[in-house]
């Protein structure tokens, strides 16, 4: 179960909190029976007590940060090209004892060797996937390259703090944009 979050003494429930982690002054984790004694049954998954930063007595403090990071796949999965995929499909059927003469858009020319084992002579791919309309040519698309990208993540935050004898104030804003290694998986916060 999810832990109970207490932020600056306020019970904010068990939902995961999404806020600027630079605003955290301290974190305390309670995970024993004493947390259930203090916070009840909702603390069965533990309690996370977060104290955020506050303004300190003195002059106005302004802090700003900008960060950029890059992510990419260090090792890309090797994928088959169009002929390799056809060869693998044909070999799987030959291993089952019934080699295919046709599969999807593939046509196979095969025979047997001197030991009566099936042998693929060549793979025939049509020029067009849709042979009637002739709208899409067959291709060796590397789909791993097509869906992945070098992702850029930008993070900007600014905070303003001030404290006096009568009280303190702290204001912060945070913006994050992560493009995601897989295309269309970007997010903004």
C-alpha atoms as a PDB file:
ATOM      1  CA  UNK A   1       0.000   0.000   0.000  1.00  0.00           C
ATOM      2  CA  UNK A   2       1.055   3.606  -0.491  1.00  0.00           C
ATOM      3  CA  UNK A   3       2.549   5.565   2.374  1.00  0.00           C
ATOM      4  CA  UNK A   4       0.750   8.456   4.031  1.00  0.00           C
ATOM      5  CA  UNK A   5       2.287  11.848   3.206  1.00  0.00           C
ATOM      6  CA  UNK A   6       2.483  14.600   5.815  1.00  0.00           C
ATOM      7  CA  UNK A   7       3.779  17.869   4.325  1.00  0.00           C
ATOM      8  CA  UNK A   8       4.547  20.662   6.785  1.00  0.00           C
ATOM      9  CA  UNK A   9       2.242  19.040   9.337  1.00  0.00           C
ATOM     10  CA  UNK A  10      -0.688  18.715   6.912  1.00  0.00           C
ATOM     11  CA  UNK A  11      -2.071  15.270   6.054  1.00  0.00           C
ATOM     12  CA  UNK A  12      -2.199  15.222   2.230  1.00  0.00           C
ATOM     13  CA  UNK A  13      -3.249  11.595   1.853  1.00  0.00           C
ATOM     14  CA  UNK A  14      -1.619   8.596   0.197  1.00  0.00           C
ATOM     15  CA  UNK A  15      -1.366   9.777  -3.404  1.00  0.00           C
ATOM     16  CA  UNK A  16       2.133  10.245  -4.765  1.00  0.00           C
ATOM     17  CA  UNK A  17       3.010  13.944  -4.476  1.00  0.00           C
ATOM     18  CA  UNK A  18       4.440  15.757  -7.480  1.00  0.00           C
ATOM     19  CA  UNK A  19       6.351  18.858  -6.418  1.00  0.00           C
ATOM     20  CA  UNK A  20       9.761  20.453  -6.665  1.00  0.00           C
ATOM     21  CA  UNK A  21      12.164  18.323  -4.664  1.00  0.00           C
ATOM     22  CA  UNK A  22      14.503  21.304  -4.295  1.00  0.00           C
ATOM     23  CA  UNK A  23      11.904  22.759  -1.876  1.00  0.00           C
ATOM     24  CA  UNK A  24      12.435  19.923   0.632  1.00  0.00           C
ATOM     25  CA  UNK A  25      14.292  20.832   3.803  1.00  0.00           C
ATOM     26  CA  UNK A  26      14.043  17.375   5.399  1.00  0.00           C
ATOM     27  CA  UNK A  27      12.317  14.000   5.056  1.00  0.00           C
ATOM     28  CA  UNK A  28      11.498  11.581   7.835  1.00  0.00           C
ATOM     29  CA  UNK A  29      10.199   8.064   7.160  1.00  0.00           C
ATOM     30  CA  UNK A  30       8.146   6.232   9.778  1.00  0.00           C
ATOM     31  CA  UNK A  31       7.578   2.568   9.066  1.00  0.00           C
ATOM     32  CA  UNK A  32       6.990   0.924  12.394  1.00  0.00           C
ATOM     33  CA  UNK A  33       3.980   0.381  14.640  1.00  0.00           C
ATOM     34  CA  UNK A  34       4.371   3.818  16.219  1.00  0.00           C
ATOM     35  CA  UNK A  35       3.288   5.461  12.949  1.00  0.00           C
ATOM     36  CA  UNK A  36       0.004   3.532  13.086  1.00  0.00           C
ATOM     37  CA  UNK A  37      -0.451   4.698  16.673  1.00  0.00           C
ATOM     38  CA  UNK A  38      -0.049   8.344  15.671  1.00  0.00           C
ATOM     39  CA  UNK A  39      -1.767   8.364  12.244  1.00  0.00           C
ATOM     40  CA  UNK A  40      -4.130   5.378  12.365  1.00  0.00           C
ATOM     41  CA  UNK A  41      -4.863   2.653   9.827  1.00  0.00           C
ATOM     42  CA  UNK A  42      -4.022   4.887   6.849  1.00  0.00           C
ATOM     43  CA  UNK A  43      -0.380   4.675   7.949  1.00  0.00           C
ATOM     44  CA  UNK A  44      -0.220   0.915   7.283  1.00  0.00           C
ATOM     45  CA  UNK A  45       2.122   1.581   4.339  1.00  0.00           C
ATOM     46  CA  UNK A  46       4.314   3.860   6.441  1.00  0.00           C
ATOM     47  CA  UNK A  47       4.417   7.627   6.805  1.00  0.00           C
ATOM     48  CA  UNK A  48       6.594  10.097   4.932  1.00  0.00           C
ATOM     49  CA  UNK A  49       6.948  13.387   6.780  1.00  0.00           C
ATOM     50  CA  UNK A  50       8.237  16.201   4.562  1.00  0.00           C
ATOM     51  CA  UNK A  51       9.294  19.590   5.841  1.00  0.00           C
ATOM     52  CA  UNK A  52       9.713  22.246   3.168  1.00  0.00           C
ATOM     53  CA  UNK A  53      12.146  25.144   3.218  1.00  0.00           C
ATOM     54  CA  UNK A  54      11.194  28.401   4.888  1.00  0.00           C
ATOM     55  CA  UNK A  55      12.517  31.937   4.654  1.00  0.00           C
ATOM     56  CA  UNK A  56      15.342  32.744   7.056  1.00  0.00           C
ATOM     57  CA  UNK A  57      15.668  35.990   8.938  1.00  0.00           C
ATOM     58  CA  UNK A  58      17.642  38.536   6.983  1.00  0.00           C
ATOM     59  CA  UNK A  59      17.713  39.822   3.437  1.00  0.00           C
ATOM     60  CA  UNK A  60      15.639  38.544   0.537  1.00  0.00           C
ATOM     61  CA  UNK A  61      17.075  35.340  -0.953  1.00  0.00           C
ATOM     62  CA  UNK A  62      16.521  34.507  -4.631  1.00  0.00           C
ATOM     63  CA  UNK A  63      17.703  31.204  -6.080  1.00  0.00           C
ATOM     64  CA  UNK A  64      17.426  30.159  -9.720  1.00  0.00           C
ATOM     65  CA  UNK A  65      18.583  26.963 -11.430  1.00  0.00           C
ATOM     66  CA  UNK A  66      18.577  25.752 -15.023  1.00  0.00           C
ATOM     67  CA  UNK A  67      19.573  22.216 -15.961  1.00  0.00           C
ATOM     68  CA  UNK A  68      19.666  20.278 -19.223  1.00  0.00           C
ATOM     69  CA  UNK A  69      20.361  16.583 -19.560  1.00  0.00           C
ATOM     70  CA  UNK A  70      20.403  14.113 -22.429  1.00  0.00           C
ATOM     71  CA  UNK A  71      19.282  10.483 -22.532  1.00  0.00           C
ATOM     72  CA  UNK A  72      19.792   7.864 -25.212  1.00  0.00           C
ATOM     73  CA  UNK A  73      20.000   4.129 -25.638  1.00  0.00           C
ATOM     74  CA  UNK A  74      23.627   3.091 -25.202  1.00  0.00           C
ATOM     75  CA  UNK A  75      22.959  -0.353 -26.659  1.00  0.00           C
ATOM     76  CA  UNK A  76      20.282  -0.651 -29.309  1.00  0.00           C
ATOM     77  CA  UNK A  77      18.536  -3.928 -29.905  1.00  0.00           C
ATOM     78  CA  UNK A  78      19.486  -5.469 -33.232  1.00  0.00           C
ATOM     79  CA  UNK A  79      16.374  -5.930 -35.344  1.00  0.00           C
ATOM     80  CA  UNK A  80      15.887  -7.917 -38.523  1.00  0.00           C
ATOM     81  CA  UNK A  81      15.565  -6.282 -41.892  1.00  0.00           C
ATOM     82  CA  UNK A  82      12.733  -7.303 -44.258  1.00  0.00           C
ATOM     83  CA  UNK A  83      14.629 -10.245 -45.723  1.00  0.00           C
ATOM     84  CA  UNK A  84      15.884 -11.398 -42.307  1.00  0.00           C
ATOM     85  CA  UNK A  85      12.316 -11.397 -40.946  1.00  0.00           C
ATOM     86  CA  UNK A  86      11.116 -13.456 -43.919  1.00  0.00           C
ATOM     87  CA  UNK A  87      14.028 -15.865 -43.513  1.00  0.00           C
ATOM     88  CA  UNK A  88      13.224 -16.319 -39.788  1.00  0.00           C
ATOM     89  CA  UNK A  89       9.505 -16.900 -40.513  1.00  0.00           C
ATOM     90  CA  UNK A  90      10.314 -19.461 -43.198  1.00  0.00           C
ATOM     91  CA  UNK A  91      12.911 -21.241 -41.022  1.00  0.00           C
ATOM     92  CA  UNK A  92      10.409 -21.482 -38.138  1.00  0.00           C
ATOM     93  CA  UNK A  93       7.873 -23.150 -40.442  1.00  0.00           C
ATOM     94  CA  UNK A  94      10.541 -25.467 -41.902  1.00  0.00           C
ATOM     95  CA  UNK A  95      11.564 -26.463 -38.370  1.00  0.00           C
ATOM     96  CA  UNK A  96       7.924 -27.457 -37.792  1.00  0.00           C
ATOM     97  CA  UNK A  97       8.100 -29.713 -40.847  1.00  0.00           C
ATOM     98  CA  UNK A  98       5.789 -27.666 -43.098  1.00  0.00           C
ATOM     99  CA  UNK A  99       7.766 -24.905 -44.824  1.00  0.00           C
ATOM    100  CA  UNK A 100       5.758 -21.969 -46.085  1.00  0.00           C
ATOM    101  CA  UNK A 101       5.585 -21.074 -49.725  1.00  0.00           C
ATOM    102  CA  UNK A 102       3.909 -17.759 -48.856  1.00  0.00           C
ATOM    103  CA  UNK A 103       3.640 -15.668 -45.676  1.00  0.00           C
ATOM    104  CA  UNK A 104       2.118 -12.180 -45.507  1.00  0.00           C
ATOM    105  CA  UNK A 105       3.680 -10.488 -48.571  1.00  0.00           C
ATOM    106  CA  UNK A 106       6.635 -12.903 -48.718  1.00  0.00           C
ATOM    107  CA  UNK A 107       6.961 -15.673 -51.280  1.00  0.00           C
ATOM    108  CA  UNK A 108       9.575 -18.362 -50.718  1.00  0.00           C
ATOM    109  CA  UNK A 109      11.506 -20.434 -53.239  1.00  0.00           C
ATOM    110  CA  UNK A 110      12.786 -23.537 -51.456  1.00  0.00           C
ATOM    111  CA  UNK A 111      13.777 -27.110 -52.039  1.00  0.00           C
ATOM    112  CA  UNK A 112      15.650 -29.876 -50.247  1.00  0.00           C
ATOM    113  CA  UNK A 113      19.340 -30.682 -49.950  1.00  0.00           C
ATOM    114  CA  UNK A 114      21.071 -34.048 -50.374  1.00  0.00           C
ATOM    115  CA  UNK A 115      19.994 -35.082 -46.845  1.00  0.00           C
ATOM    116  CA  UNK A 116      16.345 -34.255 -47.587  1.00  0.00           C
ATOM    117  CA  UNK A 117      16.429 -31.184 -45.307  1.00  0.00           C
ATOM    118  CA  UNK A 118      14.497 -28.117 -46.383  1.00  0.00           C
ATOM    119  CA  UNK A 119      16.663 -25.376 -47.899  1.00  0.00           C
ATOM    120  CA  UNK A 120      15.588 -21.825 -48.683  1.00  0.00           C
ATOM    121  CA  UNK A 121      16.843 -20.721 -52.088  1.00  0.00           C
ATOM    122  CA  UNK A 122      15.542 -17.151 -52.126  1.00  0.00           C
ATOM    123  CA  UNK A 123      12.932 -14.813 -50.749  1.00  0.00           C
ATOM    124  CA  UNK A 124      10.692 -12.923 -53.131  1.00  0.00           C
ATOM    125  CA  UNK A 125       9.328  -9.578 -51.959  1.00  0.00           C
ATOM    126  CA  UNK A 126       7.035  -7.581 -54.204  1.00  0.00           C
ATOM    127  CA  UNK A 127       8.040  -4.024 -55.099  1.00  0.00           C
ATOM    128  CA  UNK A 128       4.870  -2.717 -53.413  1.00  0.00           C
ATOM    129  CA  UNK A 129       3.133  -3.885 -50.224  1.00  0.00           C
ATOM    130  CA  UNK A 130      -0.218  -3.085 -51.850  1.00  0.00           C
ATOM    131  CA  UNK A 131       0.311  -4.599 -55.291  1.00  0.00           C
ATOM    132  CA  UNK A 132      -3.034  -3.295 -56.616  1.00  0.00           C
ATOM    133  CA  UNK A 133      -2.851   0.368 -55.592  1.00  0.00           C
ATOM    134  CA  UNK A 134       0.982   0.493 -55.669  1.00  0.00           C
ATOM    135  CA  UNK A 135       1.019   3.032 -52.836  1.00  0.00           C
ATOM    136  CA  UNK A 136       3.612   1.694 -50.408  1.00  0.00           C
ATOM    137  CA  UNK A 137       6.969   0.203 -51.378  1.00  0.00           C
ATOM    138  CA  UNK A 138       8.482  -2.608 -49.334  1.00  0.00           C
ATOM    139  CA  UNK A 139      11.331  -1.315 -47.182  1.00  0.00           C
ATOM    140  CA  UNK A 140      13.943  -2.241 -44.627  1.00  0.00           C
ATOM    141  CA  UNK A 141      12.647   0.019 -41.877  1.00  0.00           C
ATOM    142  CA  UNK A 142      14.595  -0.186 -38.631  1.00  0.00           C
ATOM    143  CA  UNK A 143      11.658   0.362 -36.288  1.00  0.00           C
ATOM    144  CA  UNK A 144      13.874   0.691 -33.227  1.00  0.00           C
ATOM    145  CA  UNK A 145      15.505   3.747 -34.813  1.00  0.00           C
ATOM    146  CA  UNK A 146      12.123   5.076 -35.922  1.00  0.00           C
ATOM    147  CA  UNK A 147      10.586   5.093 -32.430  1.00  0.00           C
ATOM    148  CA  UNK A 148      13.619   6.107 -30.349  1.00  0.00           C
ATOM    149  CA  UNK A 149      15.406   9.433 -30.052  1.00  0.00           C
ATOM    150  CA  UNK A 150      18.038  11.267 -28.060  1.00  0.00           C
ATOM    151  CA  UNK A 151      15.910  12.880 -25.385  1.00  0.00           C
ATOM    152  CA  UNK A 152      16.511  16.304 -23.909  1.00  0.00           C
ATOM    153  CA  UNK A 153      15.247  17.106 -20.427  1.00  0.00           C
ATOM    154  CA  UNK A 154      15.110  20.733 -19.326  1.00  0.00           C
ATOM    155  CA  UNK A 155      14.438  21.752 -15.741  1.00  0.00           C
ATOM    156  CA  UNK A 156      14.075  25.326 -14.498  1.00  0.00           C
ATOM    157  CA  UNK A 157      13.289  26.410 -10.953  1.00  0.00           C
ATOM    158  CA  UNK A 158      13.276  29.667  -9.040  1.00  0.00           C
ATOM    159  CA  UNK A 159      12.640  30.351  -5.357  1.00  0.00           C
ATOM    160  CA  UNK A 160      12.253  33.503  -3.300  1.00  0.00           C
ATOM    161  CA  UNK A 161      12.569  33.432   0.495  1.00  0.00           C
ATOM    162  CA  UNK A 162      12.453  36.017   3.249  1.00  0.00           C
ATOM    163  CA  UNK A 163      12.128  35.915   6.974  1.00  0.00           C
ATOM    164  CA  UNK A 164      11.502  38.489   9.703  1.00  0.00           C
ATOM    165  CA  UNK A 165      10.866  38.440  13.460  1.00  0.00           C
ATOM    166  CA  UNK A 166       7.144  38.113  12.744  1.00  0.00           C
ATOM    167  CA  UNK A 167       7.240  35.275  10.236  1.00  0.00           C
ATOM    168  CA  UNK A 168       8.719  33.873   7.063  1.00  0.00           C
ATOM    169  CA  UNK A 169       7.668  33.284   3.495  1.00  0.00           C
ATOM    170  CA  UNK A 170       8.934  30.988   0.775  1.00  0.00           C
ATOM    171  CA  UNK A 171       7.754  30.928  -2.855  1.00  0.00           C
ATOM    172  CA  UNK A 172       9.001  28.588  -5.564  1.00  0.00           C
ATOM    173  CA  UNK A 173       8.183  27.577  -9.117  1.00  0.00           C
ATOM    174  CA  UNK A 174       9.482  24.612 -11.081  1.00  0.00           C
ATOM    175  CA  UNK A 175       9.139  23.633 -14.750  1.00  0.00           C
ATOM    176  CA  UNK A 176      10.321  20.338 -16.242  1.00  0.00           C
ATOM    177  CA  UNK A 177      10.060  19.138 -19.833  1.00  0.00           C
ATOM    178  CA  UNK A 178      11.328  15.654 -20.687  1.00  0.00           C
ATOM    179  CA  UNK A 179      11.116  14.626 -24.352  1.00  0.00           C
ATOM    180  CA  UNK A 180      11.414  10.901 -23.578  1.00  0.00           C
ATOM    181  CA  UNK A 181      13.698   8.356 -25.245  1.00  0.00           C
ATOM    182  CA  UNK A 182      10.724   6.791 -27.026  1.00  0.00           C
ATOM    183  CA  UNK A 183       9.008   9.299 -29.287  1.00  0.00           C
ATOM    184  CA  UNK A 184       5.633  10.655 -28.055  1.00  0.00           C
ATOM    185  CA  UNK A 185       6.426   9.774 -24.414  1.00  0.00           C
ATOM    186  CA  UNK A 186       7.322  13.326 -23.440  1.00  0.00           C
ATOM    187  CA  UNK A 187       5.925  14.969 -20.348  1.00  0.00           C
ATOM    188  CA  UNK A 188       5.795  18.423 -18.846  1.00  0.00           C
ATOM    189  CA  UNK A 189       5.430  19.310 -15.187  1.00  0.00           C
END
